[in-house]
Each structure stands twice: as C-alpha cells, then as structure tokens.
Amino acid sequence: MHKNSALQRVARFAQGLAAAGALVGAIAPLPARADTAAAVPPLVRIVVPFSAGASNDVIARALAPGLARRLGANVIVENKPGAAGAMGADFVARAPRDGSVLLLTSSTFLTAAATQPRSPYDAIAAFAPVAMVGNGPLLLAVSAAKPFHTPAELLAAAKARPGAITYGSAGIGSLGQMATELLSDAAKVRMMHVPYKGASNALLDLSAGQIDVMIGNYSSMAPQIRSGKVRALAVTSQRPSAAFPDLPALGATVPGYEMDIWVGVLAPAGTPAALVQRLNREINDTAASSEMRAVLDPDGALPQALSPADFAARMKQELAQWKRLAVEHKIVVE
C-alpha cells in the first residue's frame, strides 16, 4: 500500500510538471516573438542610389560603422546608381522586408517621383520611412562675374527682365530646378532654366559666368566659392544658419520661402513596425554622434530625430508640393 501511494504521488507530480510545461510553452513564445520582430539580420546593406563619392554616399559611409555597433550587425554600403536614383530605389522597393536592405536617399527622391510619371515604384506606397538622418539649407549662389551681391538685387533684375536671368541645375526634375522654380513662384519672377548632366557641369558654367545663378549644397559649391569664382548670397531657409553666419536667410527677402534638403533612410513597405521603430532609434542615436556631426556640419545640416510617422507625413507633404509645381510648370522627365 505504501509503495502504491508513492507511485501515485510521483504520477501526480509528473502530471503537474506536464501541465506547468504546457503553460510555460504557451506563454514563453510571446516575448520571443516580440524580440524576433525587432531583430535585424546579421548583414544589413544600405543602398545609395548614386555613385560613390556623392554626398549621400559620404553620409551613408559615415553612418554605417556607428549603426553597426548599435545593431550588433555588419552594415555595408552599396552604390546602385542610374536613372536619377530610380534604379537603386526600385531595388530596395523589391527587397526582403526584414531590415536587410535599406535605402539612404534625400529630398531628390521626391522631386524625381513628382517629375517621372513612368517611375517603376510608388514613392509613398512602396517604402516605409524609417528615420531622417539630417536636415539643412541649400545655398543661393551667383557667378562672381555678375553684379548681384544680395538676393534682393538678383530678384529685382529677374523681375525687370523676365527670362533674362539664367539658372543651372543638375537636370530636369532635379532638386536644384525645383527649388529655383519654387523661389520664382514665391518672388513672382521668371528665370530661364539651363539643365545640365550633373551639378558639377552646371557649376563649371556658373564659375565661368555662362549662367547667372544656381541653388545647391555647400559641399558641391565649396571649391568654386573658395576660389572666388562663385558668390553665395543666402541660405534657402527662413532663418539664418549657424553654419553660414555671414549669409542671410532667403526667407527674409522672400517671405514664406523655405527650402531645406533632408537625408533619410527608407525600408521596403511591409517591414515590421517593431523593426522600423528599432531602426529609427538606432539611426537617430547614430546621427547625433560626433562622427556624424563632422559629416553633416559642413553643409549646415543638423540631426533630425523624427518618428517614422512624422517622417512619413513630411514626405507626403513635400511630394504634394513638388507634384503641384511640376504640373504648373510642366516639368516632366521622359
């Protein structure tokens, strides 16, 4: 009888363990699933849709080491240039939705989307905005051979002689063209667009006095500005920039005008929200590091710790603005 009682107690204990195990098995996967949703693969590729050495490429390569440390993963940069950035963006749009492939791009992503009706992807629906790395002004600059020393002088000449003032850009639908057309609308003037195959070609003619004016970032214009062949007149923001203390804000001359350029990271649409949030935190922290500031500071760009939702809202607002401008000015990239 004693032996049977012992066996019965052992059996009841085993049944209790089995029941507890079943309960633990039902509960344990819950945190594991949450961790998995925010986990990144061991290799993360940041795709830059422009050539090596371009400003976006420089920022991506500065971002990668710090992001790798924070993610505990290998982060590499791949250049996939072509079709004004569309080839690299399309590659990312079709990539796995697991954080293994990200797109580092800039405001040009939206001007291209607004002016390229045959784009292979929807700039909003095909991507999940992750984080904005930096945001800053462009420069309004003129050839030093021209007599303009203030934005007011330039715009007065443009108003007095509609279409006589020429401006250059990296091409039809480029950010430089769209920013200048936006300025023309705000100032109620008309300038003639001279498109080039790349900003460097436009800057050569600006330096030589073949064109009058151009809007671009400081990094690309710096050699010509330092040589004295190009004269910067203003930053394209509503307020002065600490990076360019000697330049006025263009918004002071043209009320309401503001043109900032951003650099940010996008993931393929459908990437898990928990993973997007984690990437947002890690990219924001990396962008605020001293290593990244050294890259962003020369252009007057500052880290911009937007949430994914706020970044998405800004992209939608800007795309609507560029689409309106493209329709009104008949700007189409065939």
Protein backbone atom coordinates (compact mmCIF):
# COMPACT_ATOMS: atom_id res chain seq x y z
CA MET A 1 0.00 0.00 0.00
CA HIS A 2 2.87 2.37 0.86
CA LYS A 3 4.59 1.59 -2.44
CA ASN A 4 1.40 2.30 -4.40
CA SER A 5 0.90 5.63 -2.60
CA ALA A 6 4.44 6.69 -3.51
CA LEU A 7 3.87 5.79 -7.15
CA GLN A 8 0.63 7.73 -7.18
CA ARG A 9 2.38 10.80 -5.73
CA VAL A 10 5.10 10.56 -8.39
CA ALA A 11 2.46 10.27 -11.10
CA ARG A 12 0.59 13.30 -9.80
CA PHE A 13 3.88 15.28 -9.63
CA ALA A 14 4.71 14.34 -13.21
CA GLN A 15 1.26 15.38 -14.35
CA GLY A 16 1.75 18.72 -12.57
CA LEU A 17 5.08 19.24 -14.33
CA ALA A 18 3.50 18.45 -17.68
CA ALA A 19 0.71 20.93 -17.07
CA ALA A 20 3.18 23.59 -15.97
CA GLY A 21 5.32 22.86 -19.03
CA ALA A 22 2.32 23.27 -21.28
CA LEU A 23 1.53 26.59 -19.64
CA VAL A 24 5.11 27.82 -19.99
CA GLY A 25 5.13 26.66 -23.60
CA ALA A 26 2.04 28.74 -24.28
CA ILE A 27 3.43 31.83 -22.59
CA ALA A 28 7.15 31.75 -23.46
CA PRO A 29 6.86 32.39 -27.20
CA LEU A 30 5.18 35.77 -26.64
CA PRO A 31 8.30 37.77 -25.69
CA ALA A 32 10.32 35.72 -28.17
CA ARG A 33 8.01 36.82 -30.98
CA ALA A 34 8.36 40.47 -29.91
CA ASP A 35 12.17 40.18 -29.89
CA THR A 36 12.16 38.48 -33.28
CA ALA A 37 10.05 41.23 -34.81
CA ALA A 38 12.67 43.83 -33.90
CA ALA A 39 15.71 41.67 -34.71
CA VAL A 40 17.93 42.57 -37.66
CA PRO A 41 19.73 40.09 -39.91
CA PRO A 42 23.48 39.65 -39.39
CA LEU A 43 24.16 41.64 -42.58
CA VAL A 44 22.43 44.95 -43.37
CA ARG A 45 23.01 46.67 -46.73
CA ILE A 46 22.50 50.41 -47.09
CA VAL A 47 21.82 51.12 -50.75
CA VAL A 48 22.85 54.54 -52.06
CA PRO A 49 21.17 55.20 -55.43
CA PHE A 50 24.05 57.40 -56.61
CA SER A 51 27.73 56.96 -57.41
CA ALA A 52 30.46 56.56 -54.81
CA GLY A 53 31.75 59.90 -53.56
CA ALA A 54 28.42 61.72 -53.90
CA SER A 55 27.13 63.49 -50.80
CA ASN A 56 24.61 60.76 -50.00
CA ASP A 57 27.36 58.15 -50.29
CA VAL A 58 29.62 60.06 -47.90
CA ILE A 59 26.83 60.26 -45.33
CA ALA A 60 25.96 56.57 -45.70
CA ARG A 61 29.57 55.51 -45.15
CA ALA A 62 29.81 57.70 -42.07
CA LEU A 63 26.53 56.26 -40.73
CA ALA A 64 27.38 52.59 -41.26
CA PRO A 65 30.02 51.96 -38.54
CA GLY A 66 28.05 53.53 -35.70
CA LEU A 67 24.83 51.85 -36.81
CA ALA A 68 26.63 48.51 -36.96
CA ARG A 69 27.75 48.87 -33.34
CA ARG A 70 24.27 49.74 -32.17
CA LEU A 71 22.57 46.95 -34.12
CA GLY A 72 25.19 44.30 -33.43
CA ALA A 73 25.27 43.52 -37.16
CA ASN A 74 27.51 44.05 -40.15
CA VAL A 75 26.41 47.15 -42.07
CA ILE A 76 27.79 47.77 -45.55
CA VAL A 77 27.12 50.43 -48.20
CA GLU A 78 26.29 49.51 -51.80
CA ASN A 79 26.08 52.01 -54.66
CA LYS A 80 23.38 51.36 -57.25
CA PRO A 81 23.33 54.48 -59.45
CA GLY A 82 21.19 55.03 -62.52
CA ALA A 83 18.04 56.76 -63.77
CA ALA A 84 18.45 59.70 -61.36
CA GLY A 85 18.33 57.35 -58.37
CA ALA A 86 15.38 55.28 -59.56
CA MET A 87 17.39 52.07 -60.12
CA GLY A 88 18.64 51.87 -56.55
CA ALA A 89 15.26 52.84 -55.11
CA ASP A 90 13.48 50.20 -57.19
CA PHE A 91 15.97 47.58 -55.97
CA VAL A 92 15.13 48.41 -52.35
CA ALA A 93 11.38 48.52 -53.03
CA ARG A 94 11.60 44.87 -54.15
CA ALA A 95 13.95 43.73 -51.36
CA PRO A 96 13.05 41.45 -48.42
CA ARG A 97 11.02 43.14 -45.70
CA ASP A 98 13.34 42.10 -42.88
CA GLY A 99 15.65 45.09 -42.46
CA SER A 100 18.43 43.52 -44.52
CA VAL A 101 18.21 46.16 -47.28
CA LEU A 102 17.69 49.88 -46.62
CA LEU A 103 17.73 52.94 -48.88
CA LEU A 104 19.64 56.08 -47.94
CA THR A 105 18.31 58.90 -50.04
CA SER A 106 17.47 62.59 -49.90
CA SER A 107 14.88 65.15 -50.95
CA THR A 108 15.77 64.39 -54.59
CA PHE A 109 13.87 61.12 -54.12
CA LEU A 110 10.64 63.13 -54.02
CA THR A 111 11.42 65.62 -56.79
CA ALA A 112 12.21 62.66 -59.04
CA ALA A 113 8.93 60.98 -58.07
CA ALA A 114 7.00 64.16 -58.84
CA THR A 115 8.51 64.58 -62.30
CA GLN A 116 8.89 60.98 -63.51
CA PRO A 117 5.42 59.67 -64.44
CA ARG A 118 6.86 56.31 -65.51
CA SER A 119 8.62 55.57 -62.24
CA PRO A 120 8.67 51.79 -61.54
CA TYR A 121 7.54 52.31 -57.94
CA ASP A 122 5.21 54.48 -55.87
CA ALA A 123 7.43 56.71 -53.73
CA ILE A 124 4.97 56.60 -50.83
CA ALA A 125 3.29 53.18 -51.04
CA ALA A 126 6.44 51.17 -51.82
CA PHE A 127 8.50 52.35 -48.83
CA ALA A 128 8.38 52.57 -45.07
CA PRO A 129 10.06 55.80 -43.87
CA VAL A 130 12.46 54.86 -41.08
CA ALA A 131 14.48 57.87 -39.93
CA MET A 132 15.73 61.26 -41.05
CA VAL A 133 19.49 61.47 -40.67
CA GLY A 134 19.94 65.20 -41.23
CA ASN A 135 18.23 68.33 -42.46
CA GLY A 136 19.70 71.64 -43.59
CA PRO A 137 19.58 74.53 -46.06
CA LEU A 138 20.90 74.86 -49.59
CA LEU A 139 22.75 77.92 -50.87
CA LEU A 140 21.62 80.50 -53.39
CA ALA A 141 24.75 81.41 -55.34
CA VAL A 142 25.66 83.51 -58.37
CA SER A 143 28.62 83.81 -60.68
CA ALA A 144 31.15 86.26 -59.29
CA ALA A 145 31.25 87.79 -62.76
CA LYS A 146 27.68 89.03 -62.25
CA PRO A 147 26.79 92.25 -60.40
CA PHE A 148 24.48 90.67 -57.81
CA HIS A 149 25.55 90.88 -54.16
CA THR A 150 22.22 90.33 -52.39
CA PRO A 151 19.13 88.20 -53.05
CA ALA A 152 17.13 91.42 -53.49
CA GLU A 153 19.43 92.61 -56.29
CA LEU A 154 19.16 89.30 -58.10
CA LEU A 155 15.38 89.12 -57.84
CA ALA A 156 14.97 92.76 -58.87
CA ALA A 157 16.94 92.03 -62.05
CA ALA A 158 14.82 88.91 -62.68
CA LYS A 159 11.65 90.95 -62.25
CA ALA A 160 12.87 93.74 -64.53
CA ARG A 161 13.87 91.32 -67.29
CA PRO A 162 11.65 88.21 -67.21
CA GLY A 163 13.51 85.19 -68.55
CA ALA A 164 16.83 87.01 -68.97
CA ILE A 165 18.40 85.64 -65.77
CA THR A 166 19.58 82.06 -66.31
CA TYR A 167 19.90 79.39 -63.66
CA GLY A 168 21.56 76.00 -63.85
CA SER A 169 20.74 72.66 -62.27
CA ALA A 170 21.78 69.01 -62.32
CA GLY A 171 18.96 68.31 -64.78
CA ILE A 172 15.22 68.38 -65.37
CA GLY A 173 13.36 67.42 -62.20
CA SER A 174 16.44 67.87 -60.02
CA LEU A 175 16.16 69.42 -56.59
CA GLY A 176 18.06 72.46 -57.85
CA GLN A 177 15.49 73.10 -60.56
CA MET A 178 12.52 72.55 -58.26
CA ALA A 179 13.98 74.76 -55.51
CA THR A 180 14.60 77.58 -58.00
CA GLU A 181 11.15 77.32 -59.55
CA LEU A 182 9.68 77.40 -56.05
CA LEU A 183 11.66 80.60 -55.43
CA SER A 184 10.47 82.10 -58.72
CA ASP A 185 6.87 81.43 -57.74
CA ALA A 186 7.31 82.91 -54.26
CA ALA A 187 9.12 86.02 -55.57
CA LYS A 188 6.84 86.33 -58.62
CA VAL A 189 9.72 86.35 -61.11
CA ARG A 190 10.69 84.24 -64.10
CA MET A 191 14.18 82.86 -64.73
CA MET A 192 15.34 80.63 -67.57
CA HIS A 193 16.33 77.06 -66.70
CA VAL A 194 19.52 75.61 -68.21
CA PRO A 195 19.65 71.88 -67.35
CA TYR A 196 22.98 70.03 -67.19
CA LYS A 197 24.04 66.42 -66.85
CA GLY A 198 25.08 66.76 -63.25
CA ALA A 199 25.68 69.59 -60.79
CA SER A 200 29.43 69.67 -61.46
CA ASN A 201 28.87 70.63 -65.10
CA ALA A 202 26.47 73.39 -64.08
CA LEU A 203 28.99 74.73 -61.57
CA LEU A 204 31.68 74.95 -64.24
CA ASP A 205 29.47 77.24 -66.30
CA LEU A 206 28.42 79.20 -63.22
CA SER A 207 32.10 79.79 -62.43
CA ALA A 208 32.73 80.94 -66.00
CA GLY A 209 29.76 83.30 -65.99
CA GLN A 210 27.89 81.33 -68.67
CA ILE A 211 24.87 81.14 -66.35
CA ASP A 212 23.84 83.57 -63.62
CA VAL A 213 22.57 81.66 -60.62
CA MET A 214 22.26 78.23 -59.04
CA ILE A 215 20.84 76.64 -55.91
CA GLY A 216 22.85 73.77 -54.45
CA ASN A 217 24.53 72.40 -51.34
CA TYR A 218 27.70 73.87 -49.92
CA SER A 219 29.79 70.73 -50.36
CA SER A 220 29.37 70.76 -54.12
CA MET A 221 29.91 74.53 -54.41
CA ALA A 222 32.76 74.88 -51.90
CA PRO A 223 35.70 74.79 -54.37
CA GLN A 224 34.16 77.49 -56.56
CA ILE A 225 33.18 79.63 -53.56
CA ARG A 226 36.68 79.37 -52.06
CA SER A 227 38.26 80.24 -55.41
CA GLY A 228 36.16 83.41 -55.59
CA LYS A 229 34.51 82.40 -58.87
CA VAL A 230 31.11 81.84 -57.25
CA ARG A 231 29.46 84.13 -54.70
CA ALA A 232 26.99 82.73 -52.13
CA LEU A 233 24.12 85.17 -51.47
CA ALA A 234 21.87 83.39 -48.97
CA VAL A 235 20.79 80.16 -47.32
CA THR A 236 17.45 78.83 -48.56
CA SER A 237 15.86 78.73 -45.11
CA GLN A 238 13.51 81.02 -43.24
CA ARG A 239 16.07 81.63 -40.52
CA PRO A 240 19.87 82.17 -40.68
CA SER A 241 22.10 79.11 -40.34
CA ALA A 242 24.81 78.92 -37.69
CA ALA A 243 26.99 77.15 -40.26
CA PHE A 244 26.88 80.20 -42.54
CA PRO A 245 26.77 83.21 -40.19
CA ASP A 246 27.62 85.70 -42.96
CA LEU A 247 24.69 84.68 -45.18
CA PRO A 248 21.13 85.95 -44.71
CA ALA A 249 18.12 83.67 -44.85
CA LEU A 250 16.37 83.82 -48.21
CA GLY A 251 13.07 83.79 -46.34
CA ALA A 252 13.89 87.29 -45.05
CA THR A 253 13.82 88.61 -48.63
CA VAL A 254 11.06 86.33 -49.92
CA PRO A 255 8.55 85.79 -47.08
CA GLY A 256 7.31 82.24 -46.87
CA TYR A 257 10.12 80.73 -48.93
CA GLU A 258 11.86 77.79 -47.30
CA MET A 259 13.83 75.01 -48.93
CA ASP A 260 15.64 72.51 -46.75
CA ILE A 261 17.26 69.35 -48.01
CA TRP A 262 17.00 66.18 -45.92
CA VAL A 263 18.82 62.87 -45.96
CA GLY A 264 16.98 59.85 -44.62
CA VAL A 265 16.62 56.10 -44.54
CA LEU A 266 13.72 54.12 -46.02
CA ALA A 267 12.86 50.42 -45.85
CA PRO A 268 10.64 48.36 -48.15
CA ALA A 269 6.94 48.73 -47.37
CA GLY A 270 5.73 45.92 -45.15
CA THR A 271 8.80 45.89 -42.91
CA PRO A 272 7.53 45.02 -39.39
CA ALA A 273 6.64 48.10 -37.35
CA ALA A 274 8.70 46.93 -34.37
CA LEU A 275 11.77 46.63 -36.59
CA VAL A 276 11.16 50.07 -38.12
CA GLN A 277 10.91 51.56 -34.63
CA ARG A 278 14.16 49.92 -33.55
CA LEU A 279 15.97 51.11 -36.67
CA ASN A 280 14.57 54.59 -36.05
CA ARG A 281 16.03 54.68 -32.53
CA GLU A 282 19.43 53.39 -33.58
CA ILE A 283 19.72 55.67 -36.62
CA ASN A 284 18.64 58.72 -34.60
CA ASP A 285 21.29 57.93 -31.97
CA THR A 286 23.95 57.39 -34.62
CA ALA A 287 23.04 60.61 -36.46
CA ALA A 288 23.54 62.59 -33.24
CA SER A 289 27.06 61.20 -32.72
CA SER A 290 30.19 63.31 -33.07
CA GLU A 291 31.30 61.19 -36.04
CA MET A 292 28.16 62.05 -37.97
CA ARG A 293 28.22 65.71 -36.97
CA ALA A 294 31.62 66.01 -38.63
CA VAL A 295 29.98 64.95 -41.91
CA LEU A 296 26.74 66.94 -41.56
CA ASP A 297 28.19 70.21 -40.21
CA PRO A 298 29.89 71.49 -43.39
CA ASP A 299 26.50 71.72 -45.15
CA GLY A 300 24.81 73.23 -42.12
CA ALA A 301 22.74 70.07 -41.67
CA LEU A 302 21.52 69.03 -38.24
CA PRO A 303 20.31 65.65 -36.96
CA GLN A 304 16.51 65.47 -37.17
CA ALA A 305 15.10 62.85 -34.81
CA LEU A 306 11.68 62.40 -36.40
CA SER A 307 9.50 59.40 -35.67
CA PRO A 308 8.66 57.14 -38.63
CA ALA A 309 5.13 58.59 -38.66
CA ASP A 310 6.37 62.20 -38.68
CA PHE A 311 8.90 61.41 -41.41
CA ALA A 312 6.14 59.81 -43.49
CA ALA A 313 3.91 62.86 -43.04
CA ARG A 314 6.69 65.19 -44.15
CA MET A 315 7.36 63.08 -47.25
CA LYS A 316 3.70 63.15 -48.24
CA GLN A 317 3.51 66.92 -47.78
CA GLU A 318 6.65 67.56 -49.81
CA LEU A 319 5.65 65.20 -52.61
CA ALA A 320 2.31 67.02 -52.95
CA GLN A 321 4.17 70.34 -53.18
CA TRP A 322 6.56 69.06 -55.87
CA LYS A 323 3.75 67.47 -57.86
CA ARG A 324 1.84 70.75 -57.87
CA LEU A 325 4.94 72.61 -59.02
CA ALA A 326 5.68 70.03 -61.72
CA VAL A 327 2.15 70.32 -63.11
CA GLU A 328 2.09 74.13 -63.04
CA HIS A 329 5.50 74.45 -64.72
CA LYS A 330 5.12 71.41 -66.97
CA ILE A 331 8.25 69.75 -65.60
CA VAL A 332 8.33 66.16 -66.87
CA VAL A 333 11.22 63.71 -67.14
CA GLU A 334 10.58 61.43 -70.11
